[in-house]
Amino acid sequence: MSLQATDLHRSFPGHGGQVQALRGVSLSVASGRSLAVVGPSGSGKSTLLGLLAGLDRPDRGQVVVDGEDLATLPERRLARLRGQRIGVVFQSYRLVPTLDALENVALPLELAGRADAHDLARIWLDRVGLAARADHLPARLSGGEQQRVALARALAPAPALVLADEPTGNLDSATGSHCADLLFALCRDAGSALVVVTHDPALAARADAILRLRDGLAEGP
């Protein structure tokens, strides 16, 4: 798995005209390597992650995952690539409210046709310290617990590319460190490429490289 983004531009309508969220950002991450994306709020970090995940399309530029340009893929094929090869940890969790923790983690495994979906989901809930909360709906979980369920859901299918938006943002230091260990262990052991958006300097320092954004531009080291 390799990720290559070149000259990404993305703008959105604003009260005073178009807001330039990204202005020519480029990056690359090889299999088994990790990249941290840092910068102040509004610098374009989450916009960048959405483009890398194929959830949004750039105004200009290119995102290539394993040799495939995401902008040229039909939506059905793009959805299949995301389901089979890309794991996304959303800052807003995006758990299905009518499914319990176990069912949320099992969902992408079931969609991939895994017969052991629930068994594997239980293993991952245990890894993030939530085995005892498997039958709880998201509304009965704290924000930090929901974040750990989202992390387990993203990592359970062993994706080749992991994109994580503030994966430890709502966790206490001990739990956050444990979840960060899981992220980087997957990258190391499974040869996955990892991109982490974070405000946490300690988490960013664990990555192989750091991309600093400000006002939609990549800054120097």
N, C-alpha and C. Protein backbone atom coordinates (compact mmCIF):
# COMPACT_ATOMS: atom_id res chain seq x y z
N MET A 1 0.84 -1.20 0.00
CA MET A 1 0.00 0.00 0.00
C MET A 1 0.87 1.24 0.00
N SER A 2 0.58 2.15 -0.89
CA SER A 2 1.25 3.45 -0.90
C SER A 2 0.21 4.54 -1.08
N LEU A 3 0.47 5.67 -0.48
CA LEU A 3 -0.41 6.83 -0.59
C LEU A 3 0.40 8.00 -1.13
N GLN A 4 -0.10 8.61 -2.19
CA GLN A 4 0.58 9.75 -2.78
C GLN A 4 -0.45 10.84 -3.07
N ALA A 5 -0.27 12.00 -2.48
CA ALA A 5 -1.15 13.14 -2.75
C ALA A 5 -0.30 14.27 -3.34
N THR A 6 -0.79 14.86 -4.42
CA THR A 6 0.00 15.86 -5.15
C THR A 6 -0.81 17.12 -5.40
N ASP A 7 -0.30 18.26 -4.93
CA ASP A 7 -0.83 19.59 -5.24
C ASP A 7 -2.34 19.69 -4.98
N LEU A 8 -2.74 19.31 -3.76
CA LEU A 8 -4.17 19.32 -3.44
C LEU A 8 -4.67 20.72 -3.13
N HIS A 9 -5.76 21.08 -3.80
CA HIS A 9 -6.45 22.35 -3.57
C HIS A 9 -7.91 22.03 -3.26
N ARG A 10 -8.45 22.72 -2.25
CA ARG A 10 -9.87 22.55 -1.93
C ARG A 10 -10.39 23.84 -1.32
N SER A 11 -11.51 24.33 -1.85
CA SER A 11 -12.12 25.55 -1.34
C SER A 11 -13.59 25.30 -1.05
N PHE A 12 -14.16 26.13 -0.18
CA PHE A 12 -15.55 26.03 0.21
C PHE A 12 -16.16 27.42 0.22
N PRO A 13 -17.47 27.53 -0.04
CA PRO A 13 -18.13 28.85 0.02
C PRO A 13 -18.11 29.39 1.45
N GLY A 14 -17.82 30.68 1.58
CA GLY A 14 -17.83 31.34 2.88
C GLY A 14 -18.61 32.63 2.80
N HIS A 15 -18.78 33.30 3.94
CA HIS A 15 -19.57 34.54 3.96
C HIS A 15 -18.94 35.62 3.09
N GLY A 16 -17.61 35.64 3.03
CA GLY A 16 -16.94 36.67 2.24
C GLY A 16 -16.42 36.15 0.91
N GLY A 17 -16.93 35.03 0.43
CA GLY A 17 -16.44 34.43 -0.80
C GLY A 17 -15.88 33.04 -0.54
N GLN A 18 -15.08 32.54 -1.45
CA GLN A 18 -14.51 31.22 -1.33
C GLN A 18 -13.42 31.18 -0.24
N VAL A 19 -13.47 30.15 0.61
CA VAL A 19 -12.44 29.93 1.62
C VAL A 19 -11.49 28.85 1.11
N GLN A 20 -10.22 29.17 1.02
CA GLN A 20 -9.22 28.22 0.52
C GLN A 20 -8.74 27.33 1.66
N ALA A 21 -9.34 26.14 1.79
CA ALA A 21 -8.98 25.23 2.88
C ALA A 21 -7.63 24.57 2.66
N LEU A 22 -7.32 24.23 1.42
CA LEU A 22 -6.02 23.65 1.07
C LEU A 22 -5.49 24.34 -0.18
N ARG A 23 -4.18 24.64 -0.16
CA ARG A 23 -3.60 25.38 -1.28
C ARG A 23 -2.30 24.73 -1.73
N GLY A 24 -2.43 23.61 -2.41
CA GLY A 24 -1.25 22.97 -3.01
C GLY A 24 -0.47 22.08 -2.07
N VAL A 25 -1.17 21.25 -1.30
CA VAL A 25 -0.52 20.36 -0.34
C VAL A 25 -0.17 19.03 -1.00
N SER A 26 1.04 18.56 -0.77
CA SER A 26 1.49 17.27 -1.27
C SER A 26 2.08 16.44 -0.14
N LEU A 27 1.95 15.10 -0.26
CA LEU A 27 2.52 14.20 0.74
C LEU A 27 2.62 12.80 0.16
N SER A 28 3.40 11.95 0.82
CA SER A 28 3.47 10.54 0.43
C SER A 28 3.75 9.72 1.68
N VAL A 29 3.14 8.53 1.74
CA VAL A 29 3.34 7.60 2.84
C VAL A 29 3.44 6.20 2.26
N ALA A 30 4.50 5.50 2.56
CA ALA A 30 4.71 4.14 2.06
C ALA A 30 4.18 3.12 3.06
N SER A 31 4.06 1.89 2.63
CA SER A 31 3.62 0.81 3.51
C SER A 31 4.50 0.73 4.74
N GLY A 32 3.88 0.55 5.90
CA GLY A 32 4.62 0.41 7.14
C GLY A 32 5.17 1.70 7.70
N ARG A 33 4.81 2.83 7.09
CA ARG A 33 5.31 4.12 7.55
C ARG A 33 4.15 4.96 8.08
N SER A 34 4.47 5.99 8.84
CA SER A 34 3.43 6.82 9.45
C SER A 34 3.75 8.29 9.25
N LEU A 35 2.70 9.08 9.14
CA LEU A 35 2.80 10.53 8.97
C LEU A 35 1.83 11.20 9.92
N ALA A 36 2.30 12.17 10.68
CA ALA A 36 1.43 12.98 11.53
C ALA A 36 1.18 14.31 10.84
N VAL A 37 -0.07 14.75 10.83
CA VAL A 37 -0.45 16.04 10.26
C VAL A 37 -0.84 16.94 11.41
N VAL A 38 -0.13 18.04 11.57
CA VAL A 38 -0.36 18.94 12.70
C VAL A 38 -0.58 20.35 12.18
N GLY A 39 -1.15 21.19 13.07
CA GLY A 39 -1.40 22.58 12.72
C GLY A 39 -2.54 23.11 13.54
N PRO A 40 -2.71 24.42 13.58
CA PRO A 40 -3.80 25.02 14.37
C PRO A 40 -5.17 24.70 13.78
N SER A 41 -6.21 24.91 14.55
CA SER A 41 -7.57 24.72 14.06
C SER A 41 -7.80 25.61 12.83
N GLY A 42 -8.45 25.04 11.82
CA GLY A 42 -8.70 25.80 10.60
C GLY A 42 -7.56 25.77 9.60
N SER A 43 -6.53 24.98 9.88
CA SER A 43 -5.38 24.95 8.96
C SER A 43 -5.60 24.03 7.77
N GLY A 44 -6.66 23.19 7.81
CA GLY A 44 -6.94 22.31 6.67
C GLY A 44 -6.72 20.84 6.96
N LYS A 45 -6.46 20.48 8.22
CA LYS A 45 -6.11 19.09 8.55
C LYS A 45 -7.24 18.12 8.24
N SER A 46 -8.44 18.41 8.73
CA SER A 46 -9.56 17.50 8.51
C SER A 46 -9.99 17.48 7.05
N THR A 47 -9.89 18.63 6.37
CA THR A 47 -10.17 18.67 4.94
C THR A 47 -9.23 17.75 4.19
N LEU A 48 -7.96 17.79 4.55
CA LEU A 48 -6.97 16.93 3.92
C LEU A 48 -7.31 15.46 4.14
N LEU A 49 -7.68 15.11 5.37
CA LEU A 49 -7.98 13.71 5.66
C LEU A 49 -9.18 13.24 4.85
N GLY A 50 -10.19 14.09 4.69
CA GLY A 50 -11.35 13.72 3.88
C GLY A 50 -10.99 13.44 2.43
N LEU A 51 -10.04 14.20 1.89
CA LEU A 51 -9.59 13.96 0.52
C LEU A 51 -8.81 12.65 0.42
N LEU A 52 -7.96 12.39 1.40
CA LEU A 52 -7.16 11.16 1.39
C LEU A 52 -8.04 9.92 1.50
N ALA A 53 -9.18 10.05 2.20
CA ALA A 53 -10.10 8.93 2.38
C ALA A 53 -11.05 8.76 1.20
N GLY A 54 -11.02 9.69 0.27
CA GLY A 54 -11.95 9.62 -0.85
C GLY A 54 -13.36 10.01 -0.47
N LEU A 55 -13.53 10.65 0.68
CA LEU A 55 -14.85 11.12 1.11
C LEU A 55 -15.19 12.47 0.49
N ASP A 56 -14.20 13.12 -0.06
CA ASP A 56 -14.36 14.40 -0.74
C ASP A 56 -13.38 14.41 -1.91
N ARG A 57 -13.63 15.26 -2.87
CA ARG A 57 -12.75 15.33 -4.04
C ARG A 57 -12.10 16.70 -4.13
N PRO A 58 -10.83 16.75 -4.51
CA PRO A 58 -10.14 18.05 -4.58
C PRO A 58 -10.62 18.88 -5.76
N ASP A 59 -10.50 20.20 -5.64
CA ASP A 59 -10.75 21.08 -6.77
C ASP A 59 -9.64 20.90 -7.82
N ARG A 60 -8.46 20.65 -7.31
CA ARG A 60 -7.31 20.42 -8.19
C ARG A 60 -6.33 19.54 -7.44
N GLY A 61 -5.57 18.73 -8.16
CA GLY A 61 -4.62 17.84 -7.53
C GLY A 61 -5.07 16.39 -7.61
N GLN A 62 -4.31 15.51 -6.99
CA GLN A 62 -4.51 14.08 -7.18
C GLN A 62 -4.20 13.32 -5.90
N VAL A 63 -5.04 12.34 -5.58
CA VAL A 63 -4.78 11.39 -4.50
C VAL A 63 -4.72 10.01 -5.11
N VAL A 64 -3.57 9.35 -4.97
CA VAL A 64 -3.36 8.02 -5.55
C VAL A 64 -3.12 7.03 -4.43
N VAL A 65 -3.97 6.01 -4.34
CA VAL A 65 -3.85 4.95 -3.35
C VAL A 65 -3.59 3.64 -4.08
N ASP A 66 -2.45 3.04 -3.83
CA ASP A 66 -2.08 1.79 -4.49
C ASP A 66 -2.20 1.89 -6.01
N GLY A 67 -1.75 3.02 -6.54
CA GLY A 67 -1.75 3.19 -7.99
C GLY A 67 -3.07 3.64 -8.59
N GLU A 68 -4.11 3.82 -7.76
CA GLU A 68 -5.42 4.23 -8.27
C GLU A 68 -5.72 5.66 -7.88
N ASP A 69 -6.05 6.47 -8.88
CA ASP A 69 -6.42 7.87 -8.66
C ASP A 69 -7.85 7.90 -8.16
N LEU A 70 -8.06 8.35 -6.91
CA LEU A 70 -9.39 8.31 -6.32
C LEU A 70 -10.39 9.15 -7.10
N ALA A 71 -9.93 10.22 -7.70
CA ALA A 71 -10.85 11.13 -8.41
C ALA A 71 -11.44 10.48 -9.66
N THR A 72 -10.80 9.46 -10.19
CA THR A 72 -11.28 8.83 -11.42
C THR A 72 -12.12 7.58 -11.16
N LEU A 73 -12.22 7.16 -9.89
CA LEU A 73 -12.94 5.92 -9.58
C LEU A 73 -14.45 6.18 -9.50
N PRO A 74 -15.26 5.29 -10.09
CA PRO A 74 -16.71 5.39 -9.88
C PRO A 74 -17.03 5.23 -8.40
N GLU A 75 -18.13 5.79 -7.94
CA GLU A 75 -18.46 5.79 -6.53
C GLU A 75 -18.53 4.38 -5.94
N ARG A 76 -19.07 3.43 -6.70
CA ARG A 76 -19.17 2.06 -6.19
C ARG A 76 -17.79 1.45 -5.95
N ARG A 77 -16.88 1.68 -6.90
CA ARG A 77 -15.53 1.14 -6.75
C ARG A 77 -14.78 1.85 -5.64
N LEU A 78 -15.02 3.15 -5.50
CA LEU A 78 -14.38 3.92 -4.44
C LEU A 78 -14.87 3.43 -3.07
N ALA A 79 -16.17 3.17 -2.95
CA ALA A 79 -16.72 2.66 -1.70
C ALA A 79 -16.13 1.30 -1.36
N ARG A 80 -15.92 0.46 -2.37
CA ARG A 80 -15.32 -0.86 -2.14
C ARG A 80 -13.88 -0.72 -1.67
N LEU A 81 -13.13 0.21 -2.26
CA LEU A 81 -11.75 0.45 -1.84
C LEU A 81 -11.70 0.91 -0.39
N ARG A 82 -12.60 1.83 -0.02
CA ARG A 82 -12.64 2.30 1.36
C ARG A 82 -13.00 1.17 2.31
N GLY A 83 -13.94 0.33 1.91
CA GLY A 83 -14.38 -0.75 2.79
C GLY A 83 -13.35 -1.83 2.99
N GLN A 84 -12.54 -2.08 1.97
CA GLN A 84 -11.60 -3.20 2.02
C GLN A 84 -10.17 -2.80 2.36
N ARG A 85 -9.78 -1.57 2.04
CA ARG A 85 -8.37 -1.21 2.14
C ARG A 85 -8.08 -0.03 3.05
N ILE A 86 -9.12 0.76 3.39
CA ILE A 86 -8.90 2.00 4.14
C ILE A 86 -9.71 1.97 5.43
N GLY A 87 -9.05 2.21 6.56
CA GLY A 87 -9.74 2.35 7.84
C GLY A 87 -9.69 3.80 8.28
N VAL A 88 -10.85 4.36 8.62
CA VAL A 88 -10.92 5.77 8.99
C VAL A 88 -11.44 5.89 10.43
N VAL A 89 -10.70 6.61 11.25
CA VAL A 89 -11.13 6.94 12.61
C VAL A 89 -11.58 8.39 12.59
N PHE A 90 -12.90 8.60 12.66
CA PHE A 90 -13.44 9.95 12.56
C PHE A 90 -13.40 10.64 13.93
N GLN A 91 -13.15 11.94 13.91
CA GLN A 91 -13.16 12.71 15.15
C GLN A 91 -14.54 12.71 15.78
N SER A 92 -15.59 12.64 14.95
CA SER A 92 -16.97 12.65 15.44
C SER A 92 -17.52 11.23 15.62
N TYR A 93 -16.64 10.23 15.56
CA TYR A 93 -16.96 8.82 15.81
C TYR A 93 -17.77 8.17 14.70
N ARG A 94 -18.94 8.73 14.36
CA ARG A 94 -19.83 8.20 13.33
C ARG A 94 -20.25 6.76 13.61
N LEU A 95 -20.55 6.47 14.84
CA LEU A 95 -21.10 5.16 15.19
C LEU A 95 -22.57 5.10 14.80
N VAL A 96 -23.05 3.90 14.48
CA VAL A 96 -24.47 3.72 14.16
C VAL A 96 -25.24 3.68 15.47
N PRO A 97 -26.14 4.64 15.73
CA PRO A 97 -26.75 4.76 17.05
C PRO A 97 -27.63 3.58 17.45
N THR A 98 -28.16 2.84 16.46
CA THR A 98 -29.06 1.72 16.77
C THR A 98 -28.31 0.39 16.93
N LEU A 99 -27.00 0.41 16.78
CA LEU A 99 -26.19 -0.80 16.95
C LEU A 99 -25.35 -0.67 18.22
N ASP A 100 -25.20 -1.78 18.95
CA ASP A 100 -24.36 -1.74 20.15
C ASP A 100 -22.89 -1.72 19.75
N ALA A 101 -22.01 -1.62 20.73
CA ALA A 101 -20.58 -1.48 20.45
C ALA A 101 -20.06 -2.65 19.62
N LEU A 102 -20.45 -3.87 19.99
CA LEU A 102 -19.99 -5.04 19.24
C LEU A 102 -20.47 -5.00 17.80
N GLU A 103 -21.73 -4.65 17.59
CA GLU A 103 -22.28 -4.62 16.24
C GLU A 103 -21.64 -3.52 15.41
N ASN A 104 -21.30 -2.38 16.04
CA ASN A 104 -20.62 -1.32 15.30
C ASN A 104 -19.25 -1.77 14.82
N VAL A 105 -18.50 -2.46 15.67
CA VAL A 105 -17.18 -2.93 15.27
C VAL A 105 -17.29 -4.04 14.22
N ALA A 106 -18.30 -4.88 14.35
CA ALA A 106 -18.47 -6.00 13.42
C ALA A 106 -18.97 -5.57 12.05
N LEU A 107 -19.61 -4.40 11.97
CA LEU A 107 -20.28 -3.99 10.73
C LEU A 107 -19.38 -4.02 9.50
N PRO A 108 -18.21 -3.37 9.50
CA PRO A 108 -17.38 -3.42 8.28
C PRO A 108 -16.87 -4.82 7.98
N LEU A 109 -16.70 -5.65 9.00
CA LEU A 109 -16.28 -7.04 8.78
C LEU A 109 -17.38 -7.83 8.11
N GLU A 110 -18.61 -7.61 8.54
CA GLU A 110 -19.76 -8.29 7.92
C GLU A 110 -19.93 -7.85 6.48
N LEU A 111 -19.75 -6.55 6.22
CA LEU A 111 -19.87 -6.05 4.85
C LEU A 111 -18.79 -6.63 3.95
N ALA A 112 -17.65 -6.98 4.55
CA ALA A 112 -16.56 -7.60 3.79
C ALA A 112 -16.74 -9.11 3.66
N GLY A 113 -17.82 -9.66 4.27
CA GLY A 113 -18.10 -11.07 4.14
C GLY A 113 -17.36 -11.96 5.11
N ARG A 114 -16.86 -11.40 6.21
CA ARG A 114 -16.12 -12.19 7.18
C ARG A 114 -17.07 -13.02 8.04
N ALA A 115 -16.91 -14.35 8.02
CA ALA A 115 -17.76 -15.23 8.83
C ALA A 115 -17.47 -15.07 10.32
N ASP A 116 -16.26 -14.62 10.65
CA ASP A 116 -15.85 -14.47 12.05
C ASP A 116 -15.99 -13.03 12.53
N ALA A 117 -16.89 -12.27 11.92
CA ALA A 117 -17.00 -10.84 12.19
C ALA A 117 -17.20 -10.54 13.67
N HIS A 118 -18.13 -11.24 14.32
CA HIS A 118 -18.41 -10.95 15.72
C HIS A 118 -17.28 -11.41 16.64
N ASP A 119 -16.65 -12.53 16.30
CA ASP A 119 -15.52 -12.99 17.12
C ASP A 119 -14.37 -11.99 17.05
N LEU A 120 -14.08 -11.52 15.85
CA LEU A 120 -12.99 -10.55 15.69
C LEU A 120 -13.35 -9.22 16.34
N ALA A 121 -14.61 -8.84 16.26
CA ALA A 121 -15.05 -7.60 16.90
C ALA A 121 -14.86 -7.68 18.41
N ARG A 122 -15.14 -8.83 19.01
CA ARG A 122 -14.94 -8.99 20.46
C ARG A 122 -13.46 -8.87 20.82
N ILE A 123 -12.60 -9.43 19.99
CA ILE A 123 -11.16 -9.33 20.24
C ILE A 123 -10.72 -7.87 20.25
N TRP A 124 -11.23 -7.09 19.30
CA TRP A 124 -10.81 -5.70 19.21
C TRP A 124 -11.42 -4.83 20.29
N LEU A 125 -12.64 -5.13 20.69
CA LEU A 125 -13.20 -4.41 21.83
C LEU A 125 -12.38 -4.66 23.09
N ASP A 126 -11.91 -5.89 23.24
CA ASP A 126 -11.06 -6.21 24.39
C ASP A 126 -9.74 -5.45 24.30
N ARG A 127 -9.19 -5.33 23.11
CA ARG A 127 -7.91 -4.63 22.94
C ARG A 127 -8.02 -3.16 23.31
N VAL A 128 -9.18 -2.56 23.10
CA VAL A 128 -9.34 -1.15 23.47
C VAL A 128 -9.98 -1.00 24.85
N GLY A 129 -10.08 -2.11 25.58
CA GLY A 129 -10.55 -2.07 26.96
C GLY A 129 -12.04 -1.93 27.14
N LEU A 130 -12.83 -2.40 26.17
CA LEU A 130 -14.28 -2.23 26.24
C LEU A 130 -15.04 -3.55 26.13
N ALA A 131 -14.41 -4.65 26.48
CA ALA A 131 -15.09 -5.95 26.39
C ALA A 131 -16.37 -5.96 27.22
N ALA A 132 -16.36 -5.30 28.36
CA ALA A 132 -17.53 -5.30 29.25
C ALA A 132 -18.64 -4.38 28.74
N ARG A 133 -18.39 -3.60 27.71
CA ARG A 133 -19.38 -2.65 27.20
C ARG A 133 -19.90 -3.07 25.82
N ALA A 134 -19.66 -4.31 25.44
CA ALA A 134 -19.98 -4.77 24.09
C ALA A 134 -21.44 -4.61 23.74
N ASP A 135 -22.34 -4.78 24.72
CA ASP A 135 -23.78 -4.72 24.43
C ASP A 135 -24.39 -3.35 24.67
N HIS A 136 -23.57 -2.33 24.83
CA HIS A 136 -24.06 -0.98 25.08
C HIS A 136 -24.22 -0.21 23.77
N LEU A 137 -25.35 0.47 23.63
CA LEU A 137 -25.54 1.38 22.50
C LEU A 137 -24.65 2.61 22.67
N PRO A 138 -24.31 3.30 21.57
CA PRO A 138 -23.45 4.48 21.69
C PRO A 138 -23.96 5.52 22.69
N ALA A 139 -25.27 5.69 22.80
CA ALA A 139 -25.81 6.69 23.72
C ALA A 139 -25.49 6.37 25.17
N ARG A 140 -25.17 5.11 25.48
CA ARG A 140 -24.85 4.72 26.84
C ARG A 140 -23.34 4.69 27.08
N LEU A 141 -22.57 5.13 26.10
CA LEU A 141 -21.12 5.17 26.23
C LEU A 141 -20.66 6.61 26.36
N SER A 142 -19.59 6.83 27.10
CA SER A 142 -18.99 8.16 27.20
C SER A 142 -18.33 8.52 25.86
N GLY A 143 -17.97 9.79 25.72
CA GLY A 143 -17.28 10.20 24.50
C GLY A 143 -15.99 9.43 24.28
N GLY A 144 -15.22 9.22 25.34
CA GLY A 144 -13.98 8.47 25.21
C GLY A 144 -14.21 7.03 24.83
N GLU A 145 -15.28 6.44 25.37
CA GLU A 145 -15.60 5.05 25.02
C GLU A 145 -16.05 4.95 23.57
N GLN A 146 -16.84 5.91 23.11
CA GLN A 146 -17.25 5.92 21.71
C GLN A 146 -16.03 6.03 20.79
N GLN A 147 -15.07 6.83 21.21
CA GLN A 147 -13.87 7.00 20.40
C GLN A 147 -13.09 5.69 20.30
N ARG A 148 -13.06 4.94 21.40
CA ARG A 148 -12.36 3.65 21.37
C ARG A 148 -13.10 2.62 20.51
N VAL A 149 -14.44 2.67 20.52
CA VAL A 149 -15.21 1.79 19.63
C VAL A 149 -14.90 2.14 18.17
N ALA A 150 -14.84 3.44 17.87
CA ALA A 150 -14.53 3.87 16.51
C ALA A 150 -13.13 3.40 16.10
N LEU A 151 -12.20 3.44 17.03
CA LEU A 151 -10.84 2.98 16.76
C LEU A 151 -10.84 1.48 16.47
N ALA A 152 -11.55 0.71 17.30
CA ALA A 152 -11.63 -0.74 17.09
C ALA A 152 -12.28 -1.06 15.74
N ARG A 153 -13.32 -0.33 15.39
CA ARG A 153 -14.01 -0.56 14.11
C ARG A 153 -13.07 -0.32 12.93
N ALA A 154 -12.24 0.71 13.02
CA ALA A 154 -11.33 1.03 11.93
C ALA A 154 -10.20 0.02 11.80
N LEU A 155 -9.71 -0.50 12.94
CA LEU A 155 -8.54 -1.38 12.92
C LEU A 155 -8.88 -2.86 12.73
N ALA A 156 -10.10 -3.26 13.10
CA ALA A 156 -10.47 -4.68 13.06
C ALA A 156 -10.27 -5.33 11.68
N PRO A 157 -10.60 -4.65 10.57
CA PRO A 157 -10.40 -5.30 9.26
C PRO A 157 -8.95 -5.35 8.79
N ALA A 158 -8.00 -4.89 9.62
CA ALA A 158 -6.58 -4.84 9.25
C ALA A 158 -6.38 -4.11 7.92
N PRO A 159 -6.80 -2.84 7.83
CA PRO A 159 -6.71 -2.10 6.57
C PRO A 159 -5.26 -1.81 6.19
N ALA A 160 -5.05 -1.63 4.91
CA ALA A 160 -3.71 -1.31 4.42
C ALA A 160 -3.36 0.16 4.63
N LEU A 161 -4.38 1.00 4.76
CA LEU A 161 -4.19 2.43 5.02
C LEU A 161 -5.11 2.84 6.15
N VAL A 162 -4.56 3.47 7.18
CA VAL A 162 -5.35 3.95 8.31
C VAL A 162 -5.25 5.47 8.36
N LEU A 163 -6.40 6.13 8.40
CA LEU A 163 -6.49 7.58 8.50
C LEU A 163 -7.21 7.91 9.79
N ALA A 164 -6.56 8.61 10.69
CA ALA A 164 -7.11 8.86 12.02
C ALA A 164 -7.15 10.35 12.32
N ASP A 165 -8.35 10.85 12.62
CA ASP A 165 -8.55 12.27 12.92
C ASP A 165 -8.68 12.44 14.43
N GLU A 166 -7.64 12.95 15.07
CA GLU A 166 -7.60 13.15 16.53
C GLU A 166 -8.01 11.86 17.27
N PRO A 167 -7.33 10.74 17.03
CA PRO A 167 -7.77 9.45 17.59
C PRO A 167 -7.68 9.36 19.10
N THR A 168 -6.90 10.22 19.74
CA THR A 168 -6.78 10.17 21.20
C THR A 168 -7.30 11.45 21.85
N GLY A 169 -8.02 12.27 21.09
CA GLY A 169 -8.41 13.59 21.56
C GLY A 169 -9.31 13.59 22.78
N ASN A 170 -10.18 12.59 22.93
CA ASN A 170 -11.12 12.57 24.06
C ASN A 170 -10.77 11.52 25.10
N LEU A 171 -9.53 11.06 25.09
CA LEU A 171 -9.12 9.98 25.99
C LEU A 171 -8.17 10.51 27.06
N ASP A 172 -8.21 9.89 28.25
CA ASP A 172 -7.23 10.24 29.27
C ASP A 172 -5.85 9.78 28.81
N SER A 173 -4.82 10.25 29.46
CA SER A 173 -3.46 10.02 28.97
C SER A 173 -3.11 8.54 28.88
N ALA A 174 -3.52 7.75 29.87
CA ALA A 174 -3.17 6.32 29.86
C ALA A 174 -3.90 5.59 28.74
N THR A 175 -5.21 5.83 28.60
CA THR A 175 -5.98 5.17 27.55
C THR A 175 -5.54 5.66 26.18
N GLY A 176 -5.27 6.96 26.07
CA GLY A 176 -4.80 7.50 24.81
C GLY A 176 -3.48 6.89 24.38
N SER A 177 -2.57 6.70 25.33
CA SER A 177 -1.29 6.08 25.02
C SER A 177 -1.48 4.64 24.54
N HIS A 178 -2.41 3.92 25.19
CA HIS A 178 -2.68 2.53 24.80
C HIS A 178 -3.25 2.47 23.39
N CYS A 179 -4.21 3.35 23.07
CA CYS A 179 -4.80 3.35 21.73
C CYS A 179 -3.78 3.78 20.68
N ALA A 180 -2.90 4.69 21.04
CA ALA A 180 -1.83 5.07 20.11
C ALA A 180 -0.90 3.89 19.86
N ASP A 181 -0.63 3.10 20.90
CA ASP A 181 0.17 1.90 20.72
C ASP A 181 -0.46 0.97 19.68
N LEU A 182 -1.80 0.81 19.74
CA LEU A 182 -2.49 -0.06 18.79
C LEU A 182 -2.34 0.47 17.37
N LEU A 183 -2.50 1.77 17.21
CA LEU A 183 -2.37 2.37 15.88
C LEU A 183 -0.98 2.11 15.29
N PHE A 184 0.04 2.42 16.05
CA PHE A 184 1.39 2.28 15.52
C PHE A 184 1.83 0.83 15.41
N ALA A 185 1.28 -0.05 16.25
CA ALA A 185 1.59 -1.47 16.14
C ALA A 185 1.02 -2.03 14.84
N LEU A 186 -0.19 -1.62 14.47
CA LEU A 186 -0.78 -2.07 13.21
C LEU A 186 0.08 -1.62 12.05
N CYS A 187 0.49 -0.37 12.08
CA CYS A 187 1.34 0.16 11.02
C CYS A 187 2.62 -0.66 10.89
N ARG A 188 3.22 -0.98 12.05
CA ARG A 188 4.49 -1.71 12.05
C ARG A 188 4.31 -3.18 11.67
N ASP A 189 3.37 -3.86 12.31
CA ASP A 189 3.24 -5.31 12.17
C ASP A 189 2.53 -5.73 10.88
N ALA A 190 1.53 -4.95 10.46
CA ALA A 190 0.76 -5.32 9.28
C ALA A 190 1.25 -4.61 8.03
N GLY A 191 2.22 -3.72 8.18
CA GLY A 191 2.73 -3.00 7.01
C GLY A 191 1.74 -1.98 6.47
N SER A 192 0.87 -1.47 7.34
CA SER A 192 -0.11 -0.47 6.91
C SER A 192 0.52 0.92 6.88
N ALA A 193 0.05 1.73 5.96
CA ALA A 193 0.41 3.14 5.96
C ALA A 193 -0.54 3.86 6.92
N LEU A 194 -0.02 4.81 7.68
CA LEU A 194 -0.80 5.48 8.72
C LEU A 194 -0.65 6.99 8.60
N VAL A 195 -1.79 7.69 8.58
CA VAL A 195 -1.82 9.15 8.63
C VAL A 195 -2.65 9.56 9.84
N VAL A 196 -2.05 10.33 10.74
CA VAL A 196 -2.72 10.74 11.97
C VAL A 196 -2.79 12.26 12.02
N VAL A 197 -4.00 12.80 12.11
CA VAL A 197 -4.20 14.23 12.37
C VAL A 197 -4.29 14.41 13.88
N THR A 198 -3.47 15.29 14.43
CA THR A 198 -3.45 15.42 15.88
C THR A 198 -2.99 16.81 16.33
N HIS A 199 -3.48 17.20 17.52
CA HIS A 199 -2.95 18.38 18.20
C HIS A 199 -1.94 17.98 19.27
N ASP A 200 -1.76 16.69 19.48
CA ASP A 200 -0.93 16.18 20.57
C ASP A 200 0.53 16.05 20.11
N PRO A 201 1.43 16.87 20.61
CA PRO A 201 2.83 16.79 20.18
C PRO A 201 3.46 15.43 20.46
N ALA A 202 3.08 14.79 21.58
CA ALA A 202 3.66 13.50 21.92
C ALA A 202 3.24 12.44 20.91
N LEU A 203 1.97 12.48 20.48
CA LEU A 203 1.51 11.52 19.46
C LEU A 203 2.18 11.79 18.13
N ALA A 204 2.28 13.06 17.75
CA ALA A 204 2.92 13.41 16.48
C ALA A 204 4.38 12.96 16.44
N ALA A 205 5.05 13.06 17.60
CA ALA A 205 6.47 12.71 17.66
C ALA A 205 6.71 11.23 17.41
N ARG A 206 5.68 10.39 17.57
CA ARG A 206 5.83 8.96 17.36
C ARG A 206 5.83 8.60 15.87
N ALA A 207 5.36 9.51 15.02
CA ALA A 207 5.28 9.22 13.59
C ALA A 207 6.66 9.31 12.94
N ASP A 208 6.78 8.67 11.79
CA ASP A 208 8.04 8.70 11.04
C ASP A 208 8.31 10.08 10.44
N ALA A 209 7.24 10.80 10.14
CA ALA A 209 7.39 12.14 9.55
C ALA A 209 6.23 13.00 10.01
N ILE A 210 6.42 14.31 9.95
CA ILE A 210 5.40 15.26 10.37
C ILE A 210 5.16 16.27 9.25
N LEU A 211 3.88 16.47 8.90
CA LEU A 211 3.48 17.50 7.95
C LEU A 211 2.78 18.60 8.72
N ARG A 212 3.31 19.83 8.64
CA ARG A 212 2.75 20.95 9.37
C ARG A 212 1.95 21.83 8.42
N LEU A 213 0.68 22.06 8.78
CA LEU A 213 -0.20 22.89 7.95
C LEU A 213 -0.50 24.21 8.66
N ARG A 214 -0.60 25.26 7.86
CA ARG A 214 -1.06 26.55 8.35
C ARG A 214 -1.76 27.27 7.19
N ASP A 215 -3.00 27.66 7.42
CA ASP A 215 -3.78 28.36 6.40
C ASP A 215 -3.81 27.61 5.08
N GLY A 216 -3.91 26.29 5.16
CA GLY A 216 -4.03 25.47 3.95
C GLY A 216 -2.74 25.21 3.22
N LEU A 217 -1.62 25.64 3.79
CA LEU A 217 -0.30 25.45 3.17
C LEU A 217 0.57 24.55 4.04
N ALA A 218 1.44 23.77 3.41
CA ALA A 218 2.41 22.97 4.14
C ALA A 218 3.61 23.84 4.49
N GLU A 219 3.97 23.84 5.77
CA GLU A 219 5.12 24.61 6.22
C GLU A 219 6.37 23.75 6.18
N GLY A 220 7.52 24.40 6.22
CA GLY A 220 8.77 23.68 6.27
C GLY A 220 8.99 23.05 7.64
N PRO A 221 10.03 22.20 7.80
CA PRO A 221 10.32 21.54 9.08
C PRO A 221 10.46 22.54 10.21
